[in-house]
Amino acid sequence: MSKEENYIYESFEIDQNHYQDKQRYIFFVKNKNMRIKLIVSLSLIILGLILFISFYLKKNHNKKISHSILLDLDNYSFKAKYHTDSENEKVTLFRNTSFEIKEMIIDGEKIEPSLEYNFASTGDHVIYVLLDISKTNSLHGMFSGITKLTSISFSPLFDTKSIQIMGYMFYGAESLAYVDFSNFNTEKVTNMDNMFLGCSSLTSLDLSSFSTKNVKFMVKMFSGCKSLTSIDLSNFDTPNLTKMSYMFSGCSSLKKIILSNFNTELVTDMEGLFFDCSSLISIDLSSFNTKNVVNMGNMFYKCSKLVAINLLNFNTIKVLNLENMFYSCSSLTYLDISKFNTQKVKLMNNMFYGCSSINSLDLSNFDTENVKNMNEMFYGCTKLNYLDISSFKYSYSSKISILGNNNPTGRIKVNDSFLIKIKDEIPSTWDIETVF
């Protein structure tokens, strides 16, 4: 190769290398610019997302709330659960009893306070409510008829220190299975009538926090609580109680009741107190003072598993009504009511009707001078083989029917004047002892 050719070749090679270097540089610059643009673009996107999220949270901060951080029961008056069976179901949450609803959260969403809510989905729903009840003295019927309520817990912010009326508070809340009353203050409450009437899903109740020293009325307080198996009211001190009729009526699963500190000195009405407590086997009423009681009708009506009951402490000096008192107490084998004073009693009809296990009754102490109705008094007492009614008098009818379906063999002690009224129904196989 000539020098000239060699020079030309070397110059070409140098130019080519220079071109390649230049291309690399240009490529590098272009890539660098692209990276800068990409970084800027990503930064703008991220900034846009941050601004959007900030705006969204600012706009909706009152709607979605963290359960773990903010939904602490101590910040609200109560927490409750409701169950819905269909979509878009409108549910009454509670009833206004002249208090202020300050805040309400349902399933984590803060909503405009309302007594009703339309649940979009089925299943269980949690509600937190903050109330101001400082300006009312009544919670009458607050959850009455709320059939979708399944449980409720009250916090110290549900301040009941000024509440006097709790009647019908949970009346008809048939799905309610649990209530936490540990923070309840009932110091001033005077009325608990029908408080849990018809709460058929309650299996237990802890009322150890209750103060009942000022309560006057407990009529049907637990009536219809048919799933309740036991109840301990040993902390109940009731010096002002006057009415407790049908208090446990329809508690058909109730096997145990503790009433050891009940003060019944002022009570006038005990009608149907244990009406249809068909699972109750025994009960201690030794603390009962009945000196002012006027009505004992239906008191143990259909307590069909009650085997024995001690009523020797019962003072019946003012009682007017004893009708159906032991109606269908079919497991009762023995009954000593020799201390009963019946001089004012007007009604004794069906008093021992259906007491099919009792075999002896000594009612020689009974004064029936004022009784207007004693029909079917011993009907269905199929094992009764001794009956002393020697003191009985009855002036309202020529003949009455007090026996019926009795044991084919037995003995009856009766005065001559009363015998005339019942002789036709005394089984011919019975021995009759007449007194004058």
Protein backbone atom coordinates (compact mmCIF):
# COMPACT_ATOMS: atom_id res chain seq x y z
CA MET A 1 0.00 0.00 0.00
CA SER A 2 1.38 3.42 -0.98
CA LYS A 3 1.85 6.14 1.60
CA GLU A 4 -0.99 8.06 0.11
CA GLU A 5 -3.33 5.09 0.28
CA ASN A 6 -2.19 4.32 3.77
CA TYR A 7 -2.90 7.90 4.84
CA ILE A 8 -6.32 7.82 3.28
CA TYR A 9 -7.12 4.52 5.04
CA GLU A 10 -5.87 5.77 8.39
CA SER A 11 -7.80 8.99 7.98
CA PHE A 12 -10.95 7.00 7.17
CA GLU A 13 -10.41 4.82 10.21
CA ILE A 14 -9.96 7.85 12.40
CA ASP A 15 -13.07 9.46 10.96
CA GLN A 16 -15.01 6.25 11.45
CA ASN A 17 -13.95 5.95 15.07
CA HIS A 18 -14.81 9.58 15.61
CA TYR A 19 -18.22 9.00 14.07
CA GLN A 20 -18.86 6.04 16.32
CA ASP A 21 -17.81 7.99 19.38
CA LYS A 22 -20.08 10.81 18.32
CA GLN A 23 -22.96 8.39 17.85
CA ARG A 24 -22.35 6.91 21.26
CA TYR A 25 -22.34 10.34 22.76
CA ILE A 26 -25.54 11.31 20.98
CA PHE A 27 -27.17 8.03 22.12
CA PHE A 28 -25.97 8.62 25.65
CA VAL A 29 -27.35 12.16 25.66
CA LYS A 30 -30.65 11.02 24.22
CA ASN A 31 -30.94 8.21 26.81
CA LYS A 32 -30.12 10.61 29.59
CA ASN A 33 -32.80 12.99 28.40
CA MET A 34 -35.29 10.13 28.18
CA ARG A 35 -34.45 9.04 31.72
CA ILE A 36 -34.90 12.57 32.99
CA LYS A 37 -38.22 12.84 31.21
CA LEU A 38 -39.29 9.43 32.60
CA ILE A 39 -38.30 10.39 36.12
CA VAL A 40 -40.13 13.71 35.80
CA SER A 41 -43.21 11.94 34.42
CA LEU A 42 -43.22 9.34 37.20
CA SER A 43 -42.71 12.09 39.77
CA LEU A 44 -45.66 13.99 38.37
CA ILE A 45 -47.80 10.86 38.41
CA ILE A 46 -46.86 10.07 42.02
CA LEU A 47 -47.44 13.69 43.01
CA GLY A 48 -50.83 13.55 41.29
CA LEU A 49 -51.74 10.36 43.16
CA ILE A 50 -50.66 11.90 46.46
CA LEU A 51 -52.73 15.01 45.80
CA PHE A 52 -55.71 12.89 44.74
CA ILE A 53 -55.51 10.65 47.82
CA SER A 54 -55.10 13.69 50.09
CA PHE A 55 -58.10 15.35 48.49
CA TYR A 56 -60.17 12.16 48.74
CA LEU A 57 -59.29 11.58 52.38
CA LYS A 58 -59.96 15.21 53.22
CA LYS A 59 -63.31 15.03 51.48
CA ASN A 60 -64.33 11.73 53.05
CA HIS A 61 -62.61 11.80 56.43
CA ASN A 62 -65.97 11.70 58.17
CA LYS A 63 -67.14 8.61 56.32
CA LYS A 64 -64.60 5.82 56.71
CA ILE A 65 -63.07 5.27 60.12
CA SER A 66 -60.48 2.77 61.29
CA HIS A 67 -62.12 0.19 63.57
CA SER A 68 -58.86 -0.55 65.36
CA ILE A 69 -58.00 3.06 66.16
CA LEU A 70 -61.20 5.08 66.57
CA LEU A 71 -63.98 2.59 67.19
CA ASP A 72 -63.31 2.14 70.88
CA LEU A 73 -66.50 1.59 72.87
CA ASP A 74 -65.25 4.04 75.48
CA ASN A 75 -65.69 6.82 72.90
CA TYR A 76 -69.36 5.98 72.37
CA SER A 77 -72.47 5.39 74.44
CA PHE A 78 -73.13 1.89 73.20
CA LYS A 79 -72.16 -0.69 70.63
CA ALA A 80 -74.91 -2.87 69.17
CA LYS A 81 -75.30 -5.62 66.62
CA TYR A 82 -78.22 -6.04 64.27
CA HIS A 83 -78.99 -8.90 61.90
CA THR A 84 -80.73 -8.53 58.56
CA ASP A 85 -82.11 -11.34 56.41
CA SER A 86 -82.67 -9.46 53.18
CA GLU A 87 -80.91 -6.85 51.07
CA ASN A 88 -81.88 -3.19 51.34
CA GLU A 89 -83.71 -3.92 54.58
CA LYS A 90 -84.89 -0.87 56.48
CA VAL A 91 -84.37 -1.33 60.21
CA THR A 92 -85.41 0.76 63.19
CA LEU A 93 -82.28 1.03 65.34
CA PHE A 94 -83.83 2.46 68.50
CA ARG A 95 -86.55 4.84 69.54
CA ASN A 96 -86.12 8.45 70.58
CA THR A 97 -86.83 9.09 74.22
CA SER A 98 -85.96 12.80 74.21
CA PHE A 99 -82.20 12.50 73.92
CA GLU A 100 -79.67 13.88 71.44
CA ILE A 101 -77.91 11.63 68.93
CA LYS A 102 -74.46 13.15 68.51
CA GLU A 103 -72.69 10.60 66.34
CA MET A 104 -73.45 7.32 64.62
CA ILE A 105 -71.22 4.81 62.84
CA ILE A 106 -72.56 1.77 61.02
CA ASP A 107 -70.22 -0.91 59.67
CA GLY A 108 -67.32 1.57 59.87
CA GLU A 109 -69.12 4.34 58.03
CA LYS A 110 -70.03 7.56 59.75
CA ILE A 111 -73.58 8.48 58.81
CA GLU A 112 -76.07 11.21 59.50
CA PRO A 113 -77.69 10.32 62.84
CA SER A 114 -81.04 8.63 62.34
CA LEU A 115 -83.41 6.28 64.13
CA GLU A 116 -83.62 4.10 61.00
CA TYR A 117 -81.10 2.73 58.53
CA ASN A 118 -81.34 0.90 55.23
CA PHE A 119 -78.86 -2.01 55.25
CA ALA A 120 -77.73 -2.85 51.72
CA SER A 121 -76.47 -6.35 52.56
CA THR A 122 -77.63 -9.26 54.69
CA GLY A 123 -75.95 -10.57 57.83
CA ASP A 124 -74.63 -8.96 61.00
CA HIS A 125 -74.03 -5.23 61.26
CA VAL A 126 -72.21 -3.25 63.95
CA ILE A 127 -73.33 0.17 65.10
CA TYR A 128 -71.61 2.64 67.44
CA VAL A 129 -73.71 5.47 68.84
CA LEU A 130 -72.85 8.51 70.92
CA LEU A 131 -75.82 9.99 72.78
CA ASP A 132 -76.47 12.79 75.18
CA ILE A 133 -79.10 11.56 77.65
CA SER A 134 -78.33 14.13 80.33
CA LYS A 135 -81.57 16.05 79.70
CA THR A 136 -83.99 13.15 80.09
CA ASN A 137 -85.09 11.00 83.01
CA SER A 138 -86.68 8.28 80.88
CA LEU A 139 -85.49 5.47 78.61
CA HIS A 140 -89.02 4.12 78.28
CA GLY A 141 -89.28 1.80 75.27
CA MET A 142 -85.87 2.77 73.88
CA PHE A 143 -85.39 -0.60 72.13
CA SER A 144 -88.99 -1.80 72.24
CA GLY A 145 -90.00 -3.84 69.23
CA ILE A 146 -86.48 -3.75 67.74
CA THR A 147 -86.56 -7.34 66.50
CA LYS A 148 -83.26 -7.12 64.59
CA LEU A 149 -81.18 -6.21 67.65
CA THR A 150 -79.02 -9.20 68.71
CA SER A 151 -76.57 -7.76 71.25
CA ILE A 152 -75.69 -4.50 72.96
CA SER A 153 -72.95 -3.23 75.30
CA PHE A 154 -73.14 0.08 77.15
CA SER A 155 -70.12 2.23 78.05
CA PRO A 156 -69.70 4.72 80.91
CA LEU A 157 -70.66 7.48 78.44
CA PHE A 158 -74.20 6.09 78.56
CA ASP A 159 -74.66 7.91 81.83
CA THR A 160 -77.90 6.75 83.44
CA LYS A 161 -77.41 8.36 86.83
CA SER A 162 -80.45 10.63 86.31
CA ILE A 163 -82.72 8.02 84.72
CA GLN A 164 -85.89 7.17 86.65
CA ILE A 165 -87.86 5.16 84.09
CA MET A 166 -86.62 2.03 82.29
CA GLY A 167 -90.02 0.46 81.68
CA TYR A 168 -90.45 -1.38 78.35
CA MET A 169 -86.80 -0.62 77.53
CA PHE A 170 -86.22 -3.91 75.62
CA TYR A 171 -89.86 -4.96 75.24
CA GLY A 172 -90.30 -7.28 72.27
CA ALA A 173 -86.59 -7.37 71.33
CA GLU A 174 -87.06 -11.03 70.48
CA SER A 175 -83.61 -11.57 68.90
CA LEU A 176 -81.65 -9.97 71.72
CA ALA A 177 -79.27 -12.63 73.07
CA TYR A 178 -76.72 -10.57 75.03
CA VAL A 179 -76.68 -7.34 77.04
CA ASP A 180 -73.76 -5.87 78.96
CA PHE A 181 -75.02 -3.73 81.85
CA SER A 182 -71.70 -3.52 83.72
CA ASN A 183 -71.65 0.29 83.40
CA PHE A 184 -75.31 0.90 84.22
CA ASN A 185 -76.27 3.21 87.06
CA THR A 186 -79.82 2.53 88.26
CA GLU A 187 -79.64 4.41 91.55
CA LYS A 188 -82.64 6.62 90.76
CA VAL A 189 -84.74 4.21 88.74
CA THR A 190 -88.30 3.77 90.04
CA ASN A 191 -89.93 1.88 87.17
CA MET A 192 -88.69 -1.37 85.56
CA ASP A 193 -92.09 -2.63 84.38
CA ASN A 194 -91.89 -4.86 81.28
CA MET A 195 -88.20 -4.06 80.91
CA PHE A 196 -87.33 -7.39 79.24
CA LEU A 197 -90.85 -8.48 78.30
CA GLY A 198 -90.72 -10.81 75.29
CA CYS A 199 -86.90 -11.04 75.09
CA SER A 200 -87.27 -14.65 74.07
CA SER A 201 -83.64 -15.18 72.95
CA LEU A 202 -81.97 -14.18 76.22
CA THR A 203 -80.39 -17.22 77.87
CA SER A 204 -78.71 -15.35 80.74
CA LEU A 205 -78.60 -11.89 82.30
CA ASP A 206 -75.98 -10.35 84.55
CA LEU A 207 -77.71 -7.65 86.58
CA SER A 208 -75.14 -7.51 89.37
CA SER A 209 -74.54 -3.81 88.68
CA PHE A 210 -78.19 -2.92 89.28
CA SER A 211 -79.25 -0.92 92.30
CA THR A 212 -82.96 -1.38 92.92
CA LYS A 213 -83.39 0.45 96.19
CA ASN A 214 -85.77 3.02 94.65
CA VAL A 215 -87.65 0.74 92.26
CA LYS A 216 -91.40 0.60 92.87
CA PHE A 217 -92.61 -1.35 89.85
CA MET A 218 -91.30 -4.62 88.39
CA VAL A 219 -94.50 -5.88 86.73
CA LYS A 220 -93.69 -8.39 83.94
CA MET A 221 -90.04 -7.40 84.15
CA PHE A 222 -88.82 -10.75 82.71
CA SER A 223 -92.12 -12.00 81.32
CA GLY A 224 -91.77 -14.08 78.17
CA CYS A 225 -88.01 -14.62 78.53
CA LYS A 226 -88.59 -18.22 77.57
CA SER A 227 -84.91 -19.06 76.91
CA LEU A 228 -83.67 -17.75 80.26
CA THR A 229 -82.42 -20.76 82.27
CA SER A 230 -81.31 -19.07 85.50
CA ILE A 231 -81.26 -15.65 87.06
CA ASP A 232 -79.45 -14.37 90.13
CA LEU A 233 -81.13 -11.37 91.74
CA SER A 234 -79.40 -11.75 95.10
CA ASN A 235 -78.12 -8.17 94.81
CA PHE A 236 -81.66 -6.80 94.43
CA ASP A 237 -82.64 -4.82 97.51
CA THR A 238 -86.22 -3.67 97.00
CA PRO A 239 -87.48 -1.76 100.06
CA ASN A 240 -89.79 0.42 97.91
CA LEU A 241 -91.18 -2.27 95.61
CA THR A 242 -95.00 -2.34 95.50
CA LYS A 243 -95.95 -4.31 92.37
CA MET A 244 -94.30 -7.42 90.92
CA SER A 245 -97.18 -9.26 89.25
CA TYR A 246 -96.24 -11.66 86.43
CA MET A 247 -92.58 -10.74 86.95
CA PHE A 248 -91.31 -14.13 85.70
CA SER A 249 -94.39 -15.27 83.80
CA GLY A 250 -93.68 -17.35 80.72
CA CYS A 251 -90.05 -18.02 81.71
CA SER A 252 -90.64 -21.61 80.71
CA SER A 253 -86.94 -22.64 80.71
CA LEU A 254 -86.12 -21.04 84.05
CA LYS A 255 -84.77 -23.65 86.47
CA LYS A 256 -83.19 -21.45 89.10
CA ILE A 257 -84.15 -18.08 90.61
CA ILE A 258 -82.22 -16.50 93.48
CA LEU A 259 -84.29 -13.93 95.37
CA SER A 260 -82.52 -14.13 98.72
CA ASN A 261 -82.43 -10.38 99.44
CA PHE A 262 -85.78 -9.38 98.04
CA ASN A 263 -87.64 -7.00 100.32
CA THR A 264 -91.36 -7.36 99.65
CA GLU A 265 -92.67 -5.56 102.70
CA LEU A 266 -94.57 -2.96 100.64
CA VAL A 267 -95.64 -5.27 97.80
CA THR A 268 -99.40 -5.46 97.25
CA ASP A 269 -99.59 -7.48 94.04
CA MET A 270 -97.92 -10.84 93.38
CA GLU A 271 -100.44 -12.14 90.87
CA GLY A 272 -98.91 -14.58 88.36
CA LEU A 273 -95.43 -14.04 89.79
CA PHE A 274 -94.16 -17.45 88.54
CA PHE A 275 -96.92 -18.04 85.98
CA ASP A 276 -95.94 -20.86 83.58
CA CYS A 277 -92.42 -21.31 84.98
CA SER A 278 -92.77 -24.89 83.85
CA SER A 279 -89.09 -25.86 84.38
CA LEU A 280 -88.80 -24.51 87.93
CA ILE A 281 -88.10 -27.37 90.36
CA SER A 282 -87.72 -25.46 93.62
CA ILE A 283 -87.63 -21.90 94.91
CA ASP A 284 -86.70 -20.25 98.20
CA LEU A 285 -89.14 -17.52 99.20
CA SER A 286 -88.08 -17.35 102.84
CA SER A 287 -87.14 -13.68 102.46
CA PHE A 288 -90.64 -12.72 101.33
CA ASN A 289 -92.75 -10.54 103.58
CA THR A 290 -96.32 -10.71 102.28
CA LYS A 291 -98.18 -8.81 104.95
CA ASN A 292 -99.47 -6.21 102.47
CA VAL A 293 -100.14 -8.50 99.52
CA VAL A 294 -103.73 -8.38 98.24
CA ASN A 295 -103.44 -10.56 95.13
CA MET A 296 -101.80 -14.01 94.91
CA GLY A 297 -103.93 -15.37 92.09
CA ASN A 298 -102.09 -17.46 89.45
CA MET A 299 -98.93 -17.15 91.50
CA PHE A 300 -97.58 -20.65 90.68
CA TYR A 301 -99.83 -21.33 87.68
CA LYS A 302 -98.51 -24.29 85.65
CA CYS A 303 -95.28 -24.65 87.62
CA SER A 304 -95.55 -28.25 86.57
CA LYS A 305 -92.10 -29.40 87.82
CA LEU A 306 -92.27 -27.71 91.21
CA VAL A 307 -91.97 -30.58 93.70
CA ALA A 308 -92.18 -28.67 96.99
CA ILE A 309 -92.52 -25.15 98.24
CA ASN A 310 -92.28 -23.68 101.73
CA LEU A 311 -94.89 -21.00 102.34
CA LEU A 312 -94.98 -21.10 106.14
CA ASN A 313 -93.65 -17.53 106.29
CA PHE A 314 -96.47 -16.22 104.08
CA ASN A 315 -98.76 -13.70 105.74
CA THR A 316 -102.08 -13.62 103.88
CA ILE A 317 -104.05 -11.36 106.20
CA LYS A 318 -104.88 -8.91 103.38
CA VAL A 319 -105.20 -11.32 100.47
CA LEU A 320 -108.42 -11.14 98.42
CA ASN A 321 -107.52 -13.41 95.53
CA LEU A 322 -106.15 -16.98 95.58
CA GLU A 323 -107.68 -18.22 92.31
CA ASN A 324 -105.51 -20.59 90.25
CA MET A 325 -102.71 -20.16 92.78
CA PHE A 326 -101.39 -23.72 92.34
CA TYR A 327 -103.15 -24.48 89.06
CA SER A 328 -101.58 -27.50 87.31
CA CYS A 329 -98.69 -27.85 89.75
CA SER A 330 -98.74 -31.48 88.74
CA SER A 331 -95.47 -32.50 90.47
CA LEU A 332 -96.31 -30.97 93.83
CA THR A 333 -96.54 -33.80 96.36
CA TYR A 334 -96.88 -31.87 99.59
CA LEU A 335 -98.12 -28.43 100.57
CA ASP A 336 -98.37 -26.93 104.04
CA ILE A 337 -100.47 -23.79 104.02
CA SER A 338 -101.72 -24.13 107.57
CA LYS A 339 -100.59 -20.57 108.33
CA PHE A 340 -102.77 -19.04 105.63
CA ASN A 341 -105.26 -16.49 106.90
CA THR A 342 -108.11 -16.42 104.39
CA GLN A 343 -110.68 -14.31 106.20
CA LYS A 344 -110.71 -11.65 103.46
CA VAL A 345 -110.35 -13.94 100.45
CA LYS A 346 -113.11 -13.70 97.83
CA LEU A 347 -111.74 -15.94 95.08
CA MET A 348 -110.50 -19.53 95.48
CA ASN A 349 -111.68 -21.06 92.21
CA ASN A 350 -109.27 -23.56 90.60
CA MET A 351 -106.85 -23.01 93.47
CA PHE A 352 -105.50 -26.60 93.36
CA TYR A 353 -106.79 -27.53 89.91
CA GLY A 354 -104.62 -30.22 88.29
CA CYS A 355 -102.43 -30.89 91.33
CA SER A 356 -102.36 -34.51 90.28
CA SER A 357 -99.52 -35.68 92.57
CA ILE A 358 -100.71 -34.28 95.89
CA ASN A 359 -102.37 -36.81 98.16
CA SER A 360 -103.29 -34.84 101.25
CA LEU A 361 -104.59 -31.35 101.97
CA ASP A 362 -105.40 -29.98 105.40
CA LEU A 363 -107.34 -26.74 104.97
CA SER A 364 -109.05 -26.86 108.35
CA ASN A 365 -107.69 -23.39 109.08
CA PHE A 366 -109.39 -21.83 106.03
CA ASP A 367 -112.02 -19.19 106.65
CA THR A 368 -114.25 -19.04 103.57
CA GLU A 369 -116.91 -16.77 104.98
CA ASN A 370 -116.31 -14.11 102.28
CA VAL A 371 -115.50 -16.41 99.37
CA LYS A 372 -117.68 -15.81 96.31
CA ASN A 373 -116.17 -18.40 94.01
CA MET A 374 -114.50 -21.71 94.86
CA ASN A 375 -115.62 -23.72 91.83
CA GLU A 376 -113.36 -26.54 90.62
CA MET A 377 -111.06 -25.88 93.54
CA PHE A 378 -109.79 -29.49 93.62
CA TYR A 379 -110.49 -30.63 90.05
CA GLY A 380 -107.91 -33.01 88.65
CA CYS A 381 -106.40 -33.88 92.05
CA THR A 382 -106.43 -37.53 91.02
CA LYS A 383 -104.22 -38.80 93.89
CA LEU A 384 -105.93 -36.86 96.63
CA ASN A 385 -107.02 -39.34 99.31
CA TYR A 386 -107.47 -37.04 102.28
CA LEU A 387 -109.11 -33.62 102.32
CA ASP A 388 -109.95 -31.62 105.42
CA ILE A 389 -112.31 -28.75 104.61
CA SER A 390 -114.13 -28.91 107.92
CA SER A 391 -114.09 -25.12 108.33
CA PHE A 392 -115.55 -24.33 104.89
CA LYS A 393 -118.64 -22.18 104.55
CA TYR A 394 -120.31 -21.01 101.37
CA SER A 395 -123.44 -18.89 101.16
CA TYR A 396 -123.62 -17.85 97.48
CA SER A 397 -125.12 -20.96 95.94
CA SER A 398 -127.22 -23.92 96.90
CA LYS A 399 -124.73 -26.32 95.34
CA ILE A 400 -121.16 -25.95 94.05
CA SER A 401 -118.65 -28.18 92.29
CA ILE A 402 -115.24 -28.23 93.90
CA LEU A 403 -114.04 -31.83 93.44
CA GLY A 404 -114.22 -33.76 90.15
CA ASN A 405 -111.94 -36.51 88.80
CA ASN A 406 -110.67 -37.42 92.22
CA ASN A 407 -109.04 -40.55 93.52
CA PRO A 408 -111.72 -43.25 93.70
CA THR A 409 -110.74 -43.98 97.29
CA GLY A 410 -110.30 -41.31 99.90
CA ARG A 411 -111.55 -39.56 102.99
CA ILE A 412 -113.06 -36.14 103.41
CA LYS A 413 -113.66 -34.14 106.57
CA VAL A 414 -116.42 -31.61 106.18
CA ASN A 415 -118.94 -29.72 108.26
CA ASP A 416 -122.58 -30.63 107.98
CA SER A 417 -123.77 -27.41 106.34
CA PHE A 418 -121.11 -27.48 103.65
CA LEU A 419 -121.62 -31.18 102.99
CA ILE A 420 -125.09 -30.42 101.66
CA LYS A 421 -123.57 -28.28 98.89
CA ILE A 422 -121.01 -30.84 97.67
CA LYS A 423 -122.46 -34.24 98.66
CA ASP A 424 -123.53 -35.15 95.13
CA GLU A 425 -120.00 -34.97 93.77
CA ILE A 426 -118.20 -36.85 96.56
CA PRO A 427 -117.27 -40.32 95.23
CA SER A 428 -119.46 -42.98 96.80
CA THR A 429 -116.34 -44.90 97.75
CA TRP A 430 -115.04 -42.10 99.95
CA ASP A 431 -115.37 -42.02 103.69
CA ILE A 432 -117.13 -38.89 104.91
CA GLU A 433 -116.34 -37.51 108.35
CA THR A 434 -118.88 -34.91 109.37
CA VAL A 435 -118.24 -32.21 111.95
CA PHE A 436 -120.68 -29.75 113.40
